[in-house]
N, C-alpha and C. Protein backbone atom coordinates (compact mmCIF):
# COMPACT_ATOMS: atom_id res chain seq x y z
N UNK A 1 -12.95 -22.57 15.54
CA UNK A 1 -12.01 -21.49 15.82
C UNK A 1 -10.70 -21.74 15.07
N UNK A 2 -10.14 -20.75 14.39
CA UNK A 2 -8.92 -20.96 13.60
C UNK A 2 -7.73 -21.35 14.46
N UNK A 3 -6.85 -22.15 13.88
CA UNK A 3 -5.65 -22.62 14.57
C UNK A 3 -4.43 -21.90 14.03
N UNK A 4 -3.60 -21.38 14.92
CA UNK A 4 -2.38 -20.69 14.54
C UNK A 4 -1.18 -21.41 15.14
N UNK A 5 -0.03 -21.24 14.50
CA UNK A 5 1.21 -21.87 14.94
C UNK A 5 2.11 -20.82 15.56
N UNK A 6 2.58 -21.09 16.75
CA UNK A 6 3.50 -20.18 17.45
C UNK A 6 4.90 -20.82 17.48
N UNK A 7 5.90 -20.06 17.01
CA UNK A 7 7.29 -20.52 16.97
C UNK A 7 8.14 -19.65 17.87
N UNK A 8 9.17 -20.25 18.46
CA UNK A 8 10.14 -19.43 19.19
C UNK A 8 10.89 -18.57 18.17
N UNK A 9 11.58 -17.55 18.64
CA UNK A 9 12.32 -16.68 17.73
C UNK A 9 13.35 -17.47 16.94
N UNK A 10 14.05 -18.37 17.58
CA UNK A 10 15.06 -19.18 16.90
C UNK A 10 14.42 -20.07 15.83
N UNK A 11 13.33 -20.75 16.20
CA UNK A 11 12.65 -21.65 15.27
C UNK A 11 12.07 -20.88 14.09
N UNK A 12 11.50 -19.71 14.39
CA UNK A 12 10.90 -18.89 13.32
C UNK A 12 11.97 -18.44 12.31
N UNK A 13 13.13 -17.97 12.80
CA UNK A 13 14.19 -17.53 11.89
C UNK A 13 14.71 -18.70 11.07
N UNK A 14 14.86 -19.86 11.69
CA UNK A 14 15.34 -21.04 10.95
C UNK A 14 14.31 -21.44 9.89
N UNK A 15 13.05 -21.40 10.27
CA UNK A 15 11.98 -21.79 9.35
C UNK A 15 11.98 -20.89 8.11
N UNK A 16 11.97 -19.58 8.32
CA UNK A 16 11.91 -18.66 7.19
C UNK A 16 13.22 -18.62 6.38
N UNK A 17 14.37 -18.82 7.05
CA UNK A 17 15.64 -18.88 6.32
C UNK A 17 15.66 -20.08 5.37
N UNK A 18 15.20 -21.23 5.86
CA UNK A 18 15.18 -22.42 5.00
C UNK A 18 14.13 -22.30 3.90
N UNK A 19 13.03 -21.63 4.22
CA UNK A 19 12.01 -21.40 3.19
C UNK A 19 12.56 -20.50 2.09
N UNK A 20 13.31 -19.46 2.49
CA UNK A 20 13.89 -18.53 1.51
C UNK A 20 14.86 -19.25 0.60
N UNK A 21 15.69 -20.14 1.15
CA UNK A 21 16.64 -20.90 0.34
C UNK A 21 15.91 -21.83 -0.63
N UNK A 22 14.81 -22.38 -0.18
CA UNK A 22 14.07 -23.34 -1.00
C UNK A 22 13.37 -22.70 -2.16
N UNK A 23 12.77 -21.54 -1.94
CA UNK A 23 11.97 -20.92 -3.02
C UNK A 23 12.86 -20.25 -4.06
N UNK A 24 14.10 -19.85 -3.66
CA UNK A 24 15.06 -19.28 -4.58
C UNK A 24 14.48 -18.06 -5.36
N UNK A 25 13.80 -17.20 -4.64
CA UNK A 25 13.28 -15.97 -5.24
C UNK A 25 13.03 -14.96 -4.12
N UNK A 26 12.71 -13.75 -4.46
CA UNK A 26 12.48 -12.72 -3.43
C UNK A 26 11.14 -12.96 -2.75
N UNK A 27 11.01 -12.43 -1.53
CA UNK A 27 9.75 -12.55 -0.83
C UNK A 27 8.64 -11.89 -1.64
N UNK A 28 8.93 -10.79 -2.30
CA UNK A 28 7.90 -10.06 -3.08
C UNK A 28 7.34 -10.91 -4.21
N UNK A 29 8.13 -11.87 -4.69
CA UNK A 29 7.64 -12.76 -5.74
C UNK A 29 6.98 -14.02 -5.17
N UNK A 30 7.15 -14.21 -3.84
CA UNK A 30 6.66 -15.42 -3.20
C UNK A 30 5.28 -15.25 -2.58
N UNK A 31 5.14 -14.30 -1.66
CA UNK A 31 3.90 -14.24 -0.86
C UNK A 31 2.64 -13.93 -1.66
N UNK A 32 2.71 -13.18 -2.82
CA UNK A 32 1.46 -12.96 -3.56
C UNK A 32 0.82 -14.26 -4.07
N UNK A 33 1.60 -15.33 -4.21
CA UNK A 33 1.06 -16.61 -4.68
C UNK A 33 0.07 -17.19 -3.69
N UNK A 34 0.15 -16.72 -2.43
CA UNK A 34 -0.72 -17.23 -1.39
C UNK A 34 -1.76 -16.18 -0.96
N UNK A 35 -1.96 -15.19 -1.86
CA UNK A 35 -2.94 -14.14 -1.62
C UNK A 35 -2.74 -13.41 -0.29
N UNK A 36 -1.46 -13.19 0.04
CA UNK A 36 -1.13 -12.46 1.24
C UNK A 36 -0.71 -11.03 0.87
N UNK A 37 -1.08 -10.08 1.69
CA UNK A 37 -0.59 -8.73 1.50
C UNK A 37 0.84 -8.66 2.00
N UNK A 38 1.55 -7.62 1.60
CA UNK A 38 2.94 -7.46 2.04
C UNK A 38 3.00 -7.33 3.56
N UNK A 39 2.10 -6.50 4.12
CA UNK A 39 2.13 -6.26 5.56
C UNK A 39 1.82 -7.54 6.34
N UNK A 40 0.86 -8.32 5.88
CA UNK A 40 0.52 -9.55 6.58
C UNK A 40 1.67 -10.56 6.53
N UNK A 41 2.29 -10.71 5.36
CA UNK A 41 3.41 -11.66 5.26
C UNK A 41 4.54 -11.26 6.20
N UNK A 42 4.90 -9.99 6.23
CA UNK A 42 6.02 -9.57 7.07
C UNK A 42 5.65 -9.55 8.56
N UNK A 43 4.36 -9.51 8.86
CA UNK A 43 3.95 -9.73 10.25
C UNK A 43 4.18 -11.18 10.66
N UNK A 44 3.97 -12.10 9.74
CA UNK A 44 4.30 -13.51 9.99
C UNK A 44 5.81 -13.69 10.10
N UNK A 45 6.52 -13.06 9.20
CA UNK A 45 7.98 -13.20 9.16
C UNK A 45 8.64 -12.66 10.45
N UNK A 46 8.11 -11.56 10.94
CA UNK A 46 8.69 -10.94 12.16
C UNK A 46 8.23 -11.59 13.45
N UNK A 47 7.19 -12.43 13.35
CA UNK A 47 6.66 -13.06 14.54
C UNK A 47 5.59 -12.24 15.24
N UNK A 48 5.20 -11.12 14.64
CA UNK A 48 4.15 -10.30 15.24
C UNK A 48 2.84 -11.08 15.33
N UNK A 49 2.54 -11.84 14.25
CA UNK A 49 1.36 -12.69 14.22
C UNK A 49 1.77 -14.13 14.10
N UNK A 50 0.99 -15.03 14.71
CA UNK A 50 1.21 -16.46 14.50
C UNK A 50 0.79 -16.85 13.10
N UNK A 51 1.43 -17.89 12.58
CA UNK A 51 1.09 -18.38 11.23
C UNK A 51 -0.17 -19.23 11.27
N UNK A 52 -1.10 -19.03 10.32
CA UNK A 52 -2.22 -19.99 10.23
C UNK A 52 -1.65 -21.38 10.01
N UNK A 53 -2.22 -22.37 10.70
CA UNK A 53 -1.67 -23.72 10.67
C UNK A 53 -1.61 -24.28 9.25
N UNK A 54 -2.68 -24.07 8.48
CA UNK A 54 -2.68 -24.66 7.13
C UNK A 54 -1.59 -24.05 6.26
N UNK A 55 -1.32 -22.75 6.43
CA UNK A 55 -0.26 -22.09 5.66
C UNK A 55 1.12 -22.60 6.12
N UNK A 56 1.27 -22.75 7.43
CA UNK A 56 2.51 -23.27 8.00
C UNK A 56 2.83 -24.67 7.45
N UNK A 57 1.82 -25.53 7.39
CA UNK A 57 2.03 -26.90 6.91
C UNK A 57 2.38 -26.94 5.43
N UNK A 58 1.79 -26.03 4.65
CA UNK A 58 2.11 -25.98 3.23
C UNK A 58 3.58 -25.56 3.05
N UNK A 59 4.03 -24.58 3.80
CA UNK A 59 5.41 -24.09 3.66
C UNK A 59 6.39 -25.10 4.26
N UNK A 60 6.00 -25.78 5.33
CA UNK A 60 6.85 -26.80 5.93
C UNK A 60 7.09 -27.95 4.93
N UNK A 61 6.03 -28.33 4.22
CA UNK A 61 6.16 -29.36 3.20
C UNK A 61 7.06 -28.89 2.06
N UNK A 62 6.97 -27.62 1.74
CA UNK A 62 7.79 -27.03 0.68
C UNK A 62 9.27 -27.09 1.07
N UNK A 63 9.57 -26.81 2.34
CA UNK A 63 10.95 -26.85 2.83
C UNK A 63 11.51 -28.26 2.76
N UNK A 64 10.68 -29.24 3.13
CA UNK A 64 11.13 -30.63 3.15
C UNK A 64 11.57 -31.07 4.52
N UNK A 65 12.74 -31.64 4.60
CA UNK A 65 13.24 -32.22 5.85
C UNK A 65 13.66 -31.12 6.84
N UNK A 66 12.79 -30.87 7.80
CA UNK A 66 13.08 -29.87 8.83
C UNK A 66 12.44 -30.31 10.15
N UNK A 67 13.22 -30.31 11.20
CA UNK A 67 12.71 -30.63 12.51
C UNK A 67 12.50 -29.30 13.26
N UNK A 68 11.27 -29.06 13.59
CA UNK A 68 10.94 -27.77 14.20
C UNK A 68 9.86 -27.94 15.25
N UNK A 69 10.04 -27.29 16.37
CA UNK A 69 9.05 -27.37 17.46
C UNK A 69 8.13 -26.19 17.35
N UNK A 70 6.83 -26.49 17.39
CA UNK A 70 5.85 -25.40 17.34
C UNK A 70 4.68 -25.71 18.26
N UNK A 71 3.97 -24.67 18.62
CA UNK A 71 2.82 -24.78 19.51
C UNK A 71 1.57 -24.30 18.75
N UNK A 72 0.52 -25.10 18.82
CA UNK A 72 -0.73 -24.71 18.18
C UNK A 72 -1.59 -23.91 19.18
N UNK A 73 -2.18 -22.85 18.66
CA UNK A 73 -3.02 -22.01 19.52
C UNK A 73 -4.33 -21.71 18.81
N UNK A 74 -5.42 -21.76 19.57
CA UNK A 74 -6.70 -21.33 19.03
C UNK A 74 -6.80 -19.82 19.29
N UNK A 75 -7.20 -19.14 18.27
CA UNK A 75 -7.25 -17.68 18.43
C UNK A 75 -8.44 -17.13 17.66
N UNK A 76 -9.29 -16.38 18.35
CA UNK A 76 -10.44 -15.78 17.71
C UNK A 76 -10.03 -14.45 17.11
N UNK A 77 -9.78 -14.46 15.81
CA UNK A 77 -9.34 -13.23 15.14
C UNK A 77 -10.45 -12.62 14.31
N UNK A 78 -11.53 -13.34 14.13
CA UNK A 78 -12.56 -12.89 13.21
C UNK A 78 -13.76 -12.37 13.97
N UNK A 79 -14.26 -11.26 13.53
CA UNK A 79 -15.37 -10.64 14.21
C UNK A 79 -16.68 -11.34 13.85
N UNK A 80 -17.51 -11.67 14.82
CA UNK A 80 -18.77 -12.33 14.52
C UNK A 80 -19.73 -11.39 13.78
N UNK A 81 -20.52 -11.95 12.88
CA UNK A 81 -21.44 -11.13 12.13
C UNK A 81 -22.66 -11.95 11.76
N UNK A 82 -23.85 -11.40 11.96
CA UNK A 82 -25.08 -12.09 11.57
C UNK A 82 -25.34 -11.80 10.11
N UNK A 83 -24.88 -12.71 9.25
CA UNK A 83 -24.92 -12.48 7.82
C UNK A 83 -26.37 -12.48 7.27
N UNK A 84 -27.27 -13.13 7.95
CA UNK A 84 -28.64 -13.23 7.43
C UNK A 84 -29.30 -11.85 7.26
N UNK A 85 -28.75 -10.85 7.95
CA UNK A 85 -29.32 -9.51 7.86
C UNK A 85 -28.76 -8.72 6.67
N UNK A 86 -27.78 -9.26 5.99
CA UNK A 86 -27.18 -8.55 4.85
C UNK A 86 -28.00 -8.89 3.59
N UNK A 87 -28.75 -7.93 3.12
CA UNK A 87 -29.64 -8.14 1.98
C UNK A 87 -29.03 -7.55 0.71
N UNK A 88 -29.44 -8.09 -0.41
CA UNK A 88 -29.02 -7.58 -1.71
C UNK A 88 -29.64 -6.22 -1.94
N UNK A 89 -28.82 -5.23 -2.26
CA UNK A 89 -29.29 -3.89 -2.57
C UNK A 89 -28.23 -3.19 -3.40
N UNK A 90 -28.38 -1.88 -3.58
CA UNK A 90 -27.45 -1.13 -4.41
C UNK A 90 -26.03 -1.17 -3.87
N UNK A 91 -25.88 -1.09 -2.56
CA UNK A 91 -24.55 -1.10 -1.95
C UNK A 91 -23.88 -2.47 -2.14
N UNK A 92 -24.61 -3.54 -1.88
CA UNK A 92 -24.03 -4.86 -2.01
C UNK A 92 -23.67 -5.18 -3.44
N UNK A 93 -24.50 -4.76 -4.39
CA UNK A 93 -24.19 -5.00 -5.79
C UNK A 93 -22.91 -4.25 -6.20
N UNK A 94 -22.72 -3.05 -5.65
CA UNK A 94 -21.48 -2.31 -5.91
C UNK A 94 -20.29 -3.02 -5.28
N UNK A 95 -20.46 -3.52 -4.06
CA UNK A 95 -19.40 -4.25 -3.38
C UNK A 95 -18.99 -5.48 -4.16
N UNK A 96 -19.95 -6.21 -4.71
CA UNK A 96 -19.65 -7.39 -5.52
C UNK A 96 -18.84 -7.02 -6.75
N UNK A 97 -19.17 -5.88 -7.37
CA UNK A 97 -18.40 -5.40 -8.50
C UNK A 97 -16.98 -5.04 -8.10
N UNK A 98 -16.84 -4.39 -6.95
CA UNK A 98 -15.52 -4.01 -6.43
C UNK A 98 -14.66 -5.25 -6.20
N UNK A 99 -15.24 -6.26 -5.54
CA UNK A 99 -14.49 -7.47 -5.23
C UNK A 99 -14.10 -8.26 -6.49
N UNK A 100 -15.00 -8.27 -7.47
CA UNK A 100 -14.65 -8.95 -8.73
C UNK A 100 -13.70 -8.12 -9.58
N UNK A 101 -13.59 -6.83 -9.26
CA UNK A 101 -12.64 -5.98 -9.99
C UNK A 101 -11.25 -6.11 -9.43
N UNK A 102 -10.97 -5.42 -8.34
CA UNK A 102 -9.65 -5.45 -7.75
C UNK A 102 -9.72 -5.83 -6.28
N UNK A 103 -10.33 -6.96 -6.00
CA UNK A 103 -10.43 -7.45 -4.64
C UNK A 103 -10.23 -8.96 -4.63
N UNK A 104 -10.23 -9.53 -3.43
CA UNK A 104 -10.11 -10.99 -3.34
C UNK A 104 -10.56 -11.51 -1.97
N UNK A 105 -10.92 -12.78 -1.97
CA UNK A 105 -11.14 -13.52 -0.75
C UNK A 105 -9.97 -14.49 -0.60
N UNK A 106 -9.31 -14.47 0.53
CA UNK A 106 -8.13 -15.30 0.73
C UNK A 106 -8.51 -16.76 0.97
N UNK A 107 -7.61 -17.65 0.54
CA UNK A 107 -7.77 -19.08 0.78
C UNK A 107 -7.42 -19.47 2.20
N UNK A 108 -6.62 -18.63 2.88
CA UNK A 108 -5.97 -19.09 4.09
C UNK A 108 -6.48 -18.48 5.39
N UNK A 109 -6.86 -17.22 5.39
CA UNK A 109 -7.14 -16.58 6.67
C UNK A 109 -8.42 -15.75 6.67
N UNK A 110 -9.34 -16.09 5.76
CA UNK A 110 -10.64 -15.41 5.68
C UNK A 110 -10.49 -13.90 5.48
N UNK A 111 -9.41 -13.53 4.81
CA UNK A 111 -9.20 -12.11 4.50
C UNK A 111 -10.13 -11.69 3.35
N UNK A 112 -10.77 -10.54 3.54
CA UNK A 112 -11.53 -9.88 2.48
C UNK A 112 -10.78 -8.59 2.19
N UNK A 113 -10.26 -8.43 0.98
CA UNK A 113 -9.38 -7.31 0.67
C UNK A 113 -9.71 -6.70 -0.68
N UNK A 114 -9.69 -5.35 -0.72
CA UNK A 114 -9.89 -4.64 -1.99
C UNK A 114 -8.86 -3.50 -2.05
N UNK A 115 -8.57 -3.11 -3.26
CA UNK A 115 -7.70 -1.95 -3.47
C UNK A 115 -8.59 -0.73 -3.65
N UNK A 116 -8.35 0.29 -2.83
CA UNK A 116 -9.11 1.52 -2.93
C UNK A 116 -9.71 1.92 -1.59
N UNK A 117 -10.04 3.18 -1.47
CA UNK A 117 -10.62 3.72 -0.23
C UNK A 117 -12.14 3.64 -0.29
N UNK A 118 -12.66 2.48 0.07
CA UNK A 118 -14.10 2.25 0.07
C UNK A 118 -14.58 1.86 1.47
N UNK A 119 -13.89 2.41 2.46
CA UNK A 119 -14.14 2.05 3.86
C UNK A 119 -15.58 2.30 4.26
N UNK A 120 -16.14 3.47 3.94
CA UNK A 120 -17.50 3.79 4.36
C UNK A 120 -18.51 2.83 3.74
N UNK A 121 -18.33 2.51 2.48
CA UNK A 121 -19.26 1.60 1.79
C UNK A 121 -19.28 0.22 2.46
N UNK A 122 -18.10 -0.37 2.71
CA UNK A 122 -18.02 -1.71 3.28
C UNK A 122 -18.49 -1.74 4.73
N UNK A 123 -18.10 -0.73 5.52
CA UNK A 123 -18.50 -0.72 6.93
C UNK A 123 -20.00 -0.49 7.09
N UNK A 124 -20.56 0.33 6.24
CA UNK A 124 -22.00 0.59 6.26
C UNK A 124 -22.77 -0.68 5.96
N UNK A 125 -22.30 -1.45 4.99
CA UNK A 125 -23.05 -2.65 4.57
C UNK A 125 -22.88 -3.80 5.53
N UNK A 126 -21.65 -4.05 6.01
CA UNK A 126 -21.40 -5.23 6.85
C UNK A 126 -21.41 -4.95 8.35
N UNK A 127 -21.34 -3.68 8.74
CA UNK A 127 -21.46 -3.35 10.14
C UNK A 127 -20.27 -3.70 10.99
N UNK A 128 -19.10 -3.90 10.40
CA UNK A 128 -17.88 -4.14 11.18
C UNK A 128 -16.78 -3.21 10.67
N UNK A 129 -15.71 -3.12 11.44
CA UNK A 129 -14.60 -2.24 11.05
C UNK A 129 -13.72 -2.90 10.01
N UNK A 130 -13.32 -2.11 9.02
CA UNK A 130 -12.34 -2.51 8.02
C UNK A 130 -11.09 -1.65 8.22
N UNK A 131 -9.93 -2.20 7.96
CA UNK A 131 -8.67 -1.48 8.10
C UNK A 131 -8.23 -0.97 6.75
N UNK A 132 -7.91 0.33 6.69
CA UNK A 132 -7.43 0.95 5.46
C UNK A 132 -5.95 1.34 5.66
N UNK A 133 -5.08 0.83 4.77
CA UNK A 133 -3.66 1.15 4.86
C UNK A 133 -3.10 1.46 3.47
N UNK A 134 -2.13 2.33 3.47
CA UNK A 134 -1.42 2.61 2.23
C UNK A 134 -0.29 1.61 2.08
N UNK A 135 -0.26 0.92 0.96
CA UNK A 135 0.78 -0.05 0.67
C UNK A 135 1.37 0.26 -0.70
N UNK A 136 2.63 0.67 -0.68
CA UNK A 136 3.31 1.10 -1.92
C UNK A 136 2.50 2.22 -2.56
N UNK A 137 1.92 1.99 -3.74
CA UNK A 137 1.25 3.09 -4.45
C UNK A 137 -0.26 3.03 -4.36
N UNK A 138 -0.80 2.17 -3.48
CA UNK A 138 -2.24 2.01 -3.43
C UNK A 138 -2.73 1.89 -1.99
N UNK A 139 -4.01 2.23 -1.77
CA UNK A 139 -4.66 1.99 -0.51
C UNK A 139 -5.31 0.61 -0.56
N UNK A 140 -5.18 -0.14 0.53
CA UNK A 140 -5.83 -1.45 0.60
C UNK A 140 -6.74 -1.50 1.82
N UNK A 141 -7.94 -1.99 1.57
CA UNK A 141 -8.97 -2.08 2.59
C UNK A 141 -9.18 -3.57 2.87
N UNK A 142 -9.15 -3.96 4.16
CA UNK A 142 -9.32 -5.39 4.45
C UNK A 142 -9.95 -5.64 5.81
N UNK A 143 -10.53 -6.80 5.94
CA UNK A 143 -10.97 -7.31 7.24
C UNK A 143 -10.74 -8.81 7.24
N UNK A 144 -10.81 -9.41 8.40
CA UNK A 144 -10.66 -10.85 8.55
C UNK A 144 -11.94 -11.36 9.21
N UNK A 145 -12.80 -11.98 8.41
CA UNK A 145 -14.09 -12.43 8.92
C UNK A 145 -14.49 -13.72 8.22
N UNK A 146 -14.55 -14.79 8.97
CA UNK A 146 -14.99 -16.07 8.43
C UNK A 146 -16.41 -15.98 7.90
N UNK A 147 -17.26 -15.28 8.64
CA UNK A 147 -18.66 -15.17 8.29
C UNK A 147 -18.86 -14.43 6.97
N UNK A 148 -18.20 -13.28 6.83
CA UNK A 148 -18.35 -12.49 5.61
C UNK A 148 -17.74 -13.22 4.41
N UNK A 149 -16.56 -13.80 4.61
CA UNK A 149 -15.91 -14.54 3.53
C UNK A 149 -16.77 -15.69 3.05
N UNK A 150 -17.32 -16.48 3.97
CA UNK A 150 -18.17 -17.61 3.60
C UNK A 150 -19.47 -17.13 2.94
N UNK A 151 -20.01 -16.04 3.43
CA UNK A 151 -21.23 -15.48 2.87
C UNK A 151 -21.04 -15.07 1.42
N UNK A 152 -19.95 -14.34 1.15
CA UNK A 152 -19.71 -13.87 -0.21
C UNK A 152 -19.40 -15.02 -1.17
N UNK A 153 -18.73 -16.04 -0.63
CA UNK A 153 -18.39 -17.19 -1.46
C UNK A 153 -19.59 -18.08 -1.73
N UNK A 154 -20.38 -18.37 -0.71
CA UNK A 154 -21.50 -19.30 -0.89
C UNK A 154 -22.72 -18.67 -1.53
N UNK A 155 -23.03 -17.43 -1.17
CA UNK A 155 -24.23 -16.80 -1.71
C UNK A 155 -24.05 -16.16 -3.08
N UNK A 156 -22.83 -15.67 -3.36
CA UNK A 156 -22.60 -14.94 -4.60
C UNK A 156 -21.48 -15.52 -5.46
N UNK A 157 -21.00 -16.70 -5.07
CA UNK A 157 -20.00 -17.45 -5.86
C UNK A 157 -18.73 -16.67 -6.14
N UNK A 158 -18.34 -15.80 -5.21
CA UNK A 158 -17.03 -15.15 -5.35
C UNK A 158 -15.93 -16.17 -5.07
N UNK A 159 -14.96 -16.29 -5.97
CA UNK A 159 -13.92 -17.32 -5.77
C UNK A 159 -12.93 -16.92 -4.69
N UNK A 160 -12.39 -17.95 -4.05
CA UNK A 160 -11.31 -17.73 -3.09
C UNK A 160 -9.98 -17.95 -3.79
N UNK A 161 -8.97 -17.17 -3.40
CA UNK A 161 -7.64 -17.34 -3.99
C UNK A 161 -7.60 -16.75 -5.38
N UNK A 162 -6.84 -17.39 -6.26
CA UNK A 162 -6.63 -16.90 -7.63
C UNK A 162 -7.97 -16.86 -8.38
N UNK A 163 -8.30 -15.69 -8.96
CA UNK A 163 -9.58 -15.51 -9.62
C UNK A 163 -9.53 -15.87 -11.10
N UNK A 164 -8.36 -16.11 -11.63
CA UNK A 164 -8.22 -16.33 -13.08
C UNK A 164 -9.10 -17.48 -13.56
N UNK A 165 -9.99 -17.16 -14.49
CA UNK A 165 -10.86 -18.17 -15.07
C UNK A 165 -12.05 -18.57 -14.19
N UNK A 166 -12.20 -17.92 -13.02
CA UNK A 166 -13.25 -18.33 -12.07
C UNK A 166 -14.32 -17.26 -11.88
N UNK A 167 -14.09 -16.06 -12.40
CA UNK A 167 -15.02 -14.96 -12.14
C UNK A 167 -16.31 -15.10 -12.93
N UNK A 168 -17.43 -14.87 -12.23
CA UNK A 168 -18.74 -14.85 -12.84
C UNK A 168 -19.56 -13.73 -12.22
N UNK A 169 -20.40 -13.14 -13.03
CA UNK A 169 -21.30 -12.13 -12.48
C UNK A 169 -22.37 -12.85 -11.67
N UNK A 170 -22.58 -12.46 -10.40
CA UNK A 170 -23.63 -13.12 -9.60
C UNK A 170 -25.00 -12.98 -10.26
N UNK A 171 -25.78 -14.04 -10.24
CA UNK A 171 -27.11 -14.02 -10.87
C UNK A 171 -28.00 -12.96 -10.24
N UNK A 172 -27.81 -12.71 -8.93
CA UNK A 172 -28.67 -11.75 -8.24
C UNK A 172 -28.53 -10.35 -8.80
N UNK A 173 -27.37 -10.05 -9.37
CA UNK A 173 -27.12 -8.72 -9.95
C UNK A 173 -27.99 -8.49 -11.17
N UNK A 174 -28.33 -9.56 -11.89
CA UNK A 174 -29.08 -9.43 -13.13
C UNK A 174 -30.59 -9.24 -12.92
N UNK A 175 -31.04 -9.30 -11.68
CA UNK A 175 -32.46 -9.19 -11.39
C UNK A 175 -32.97 -7.75 -11.40
N UNK A 176 -32.03 -6.80 -11.44
CA UNK A 176 -32.43 -5.40 -11.39
C UNK A 176 -31.43 -4.57 -12.17
N UNK A 177 -31.95 -3.64 -12.98
CA UNK A 177 -31.05 -2.75 -13.73
C UNK A 177 -30.25 -1.86 -12.79
N UNK A 178 -30.83 -1.53 -11.62
CA UNK A 178 -30.12 -0.72 -10.64
C UNK A 178 -28.96 -1.52 -10.06
N UNK A 179 -29.21 -2.81 -9.73
CA UNK A 179 -28.12 -3.64 -9.20
C UNK A 179 -27.03 -3.79 -10.26
N UNK A 180 -27.43 -4.00 -11.50
CA UNK A 180 -26.44 -4.16 -12.57
C UNK A 180 -25.62 -2.90 -12.76
N UNK A 181 -26.28 -1.75 -12.71
CA UNK A 181 -25.58 -0.47 -12.84
C UNK A 181 -24.54 -0.30 -11.72
N UNK A 182 -24.93 -0.62 -10.51
CA UNK A 182 -24.01 -0.45 -9.39
C UNK A 182 -22.89 -1.47 -9.41
N UNK A 183 -23.19 -2.67 -9.88
CA UNK A 183 -22.14 -3.70 -10.03
C UNK A 183 -21.08 -3.21 -11.01
N UNK A 184 -21.52 -2.68 -12.14
CA UNK A 184 -20.58 -2.17 -13.15
C UNK A 184 -19.81 -0.98 -12.58
N UNK A 185 -20.48 -0.15 -11.81
CA UNK A 185 -19.80 0.99 -11.18
C UNK A 185 -18.65 0.50 -10.28
N UNK A 186 -18.93 -0.49 -9.44
CA UNK A 186 -17.89 -1.01 -8.56
C UNK A 186 -16.77 -1.67 -9.33
N UNK A 187 -17.14 -2.41 -10.38
CA UNK A 187 -16.13 -3.08 -11.21
C UNK A 187 -15.24 -2.04 -11.90
N UNK A 188 -15.85 -1.01 -12.43
CA UNK A 188 -15.08 0.01 -13.16
C UNK A 188 -14.25 0.87 -12.22
N UNK A 189 -14.79 1.18 -11.05
CA UNK A 189 -14.06 2.02 -10.08
C UNK A 189 -12.73 1.41 -9.69
N UNK A 190 -12.67 0.07 -9.63
CA UNK A 190 -11.45 -0.60 -9.17
C UNK A 190 -10.62 -1.18 -10.30
N UNK A 191 -11.23 -1.49 -11.43
CA UNK A 191 -10.46 -2.19 -12.47
C UNK A 191 -10.65 -1.60 -13.85
N UNK A 192 -11.36 -0.49 -13.93
CA UNK A 192 -11.66 0.09 -15.23
C UNK A 192 -10.73 1.25 -15.58
N UNK A 193 -10.64 1.58 -16.84
CA UNK A 193 -9.88 2.74 -17.30
C UNK A 193 -10.32 3.08 -18.70
N UNK A 194 -10.02 4.28 -19.13
CA UNK A 194 -10.22 4.62 -20.53
C UNK A 194 -9.08 5.52 -20.96
N UNK A 195 -8.82 5.51 -22.24
CA UNK A 195 -7.73 6.35 -22.75
C UNK A 195 -8.05 6.73 -24.19
N UNK A 196 -7.44 7.84 -24.60
CA UNK A 196 -7.62 8.32 -25.97
C UNK A 196 -6.52 7.74 -26.84
N UNK A 197 -6.89 7.23 -28.00
CA UNK A 197 -5.92 6.65 -28.91
C UNK A 197 -6.07 7.34 -30.27
N UNK A 198 -4.94 7.78 -30.79
CA UNK A 198 -4.92 8.48 -32.06
C UNK A 198 -5.82 9.72 -32.01
């Protein structure tokens, strides 16, 4: 079960104030380095959500010398899912393309996130609810599921965190022209474009 850190209001403000001084940049330039969405980071900042312990320890180390009292809490935030029933098909191959296009698996909180309104596709395939929100100029679809995150990472080699230099087309996609077509469809829907030149 994931461990979260709970801080008093005073401790939380002191923690984030010292973190802000240490990083010497805006929050908007800081939290994307940890694969956090804007809404999730500011939920941590406001105290609406407890901080994942591993993320808290990373930032505490970044701050350096700070004495702070915190309480660890076990919290079941991830919906259980029997992954063995999720089979490779046209929908899953499209989802893999979407995730390799403009999506990610988080290093810290088992977040599965993509840019775009693909709620029906993801909920149909995985059988759990995904949250769709408008953030700045784009819609973001996400869920927090240890089971789905581990499944996508272990079975299809989707990288966690920064994808630069780590992306590979899953071998399962190459077993069928239909799978390959849908993978390319998902990839292009989220990360593709065309334009006329001259």
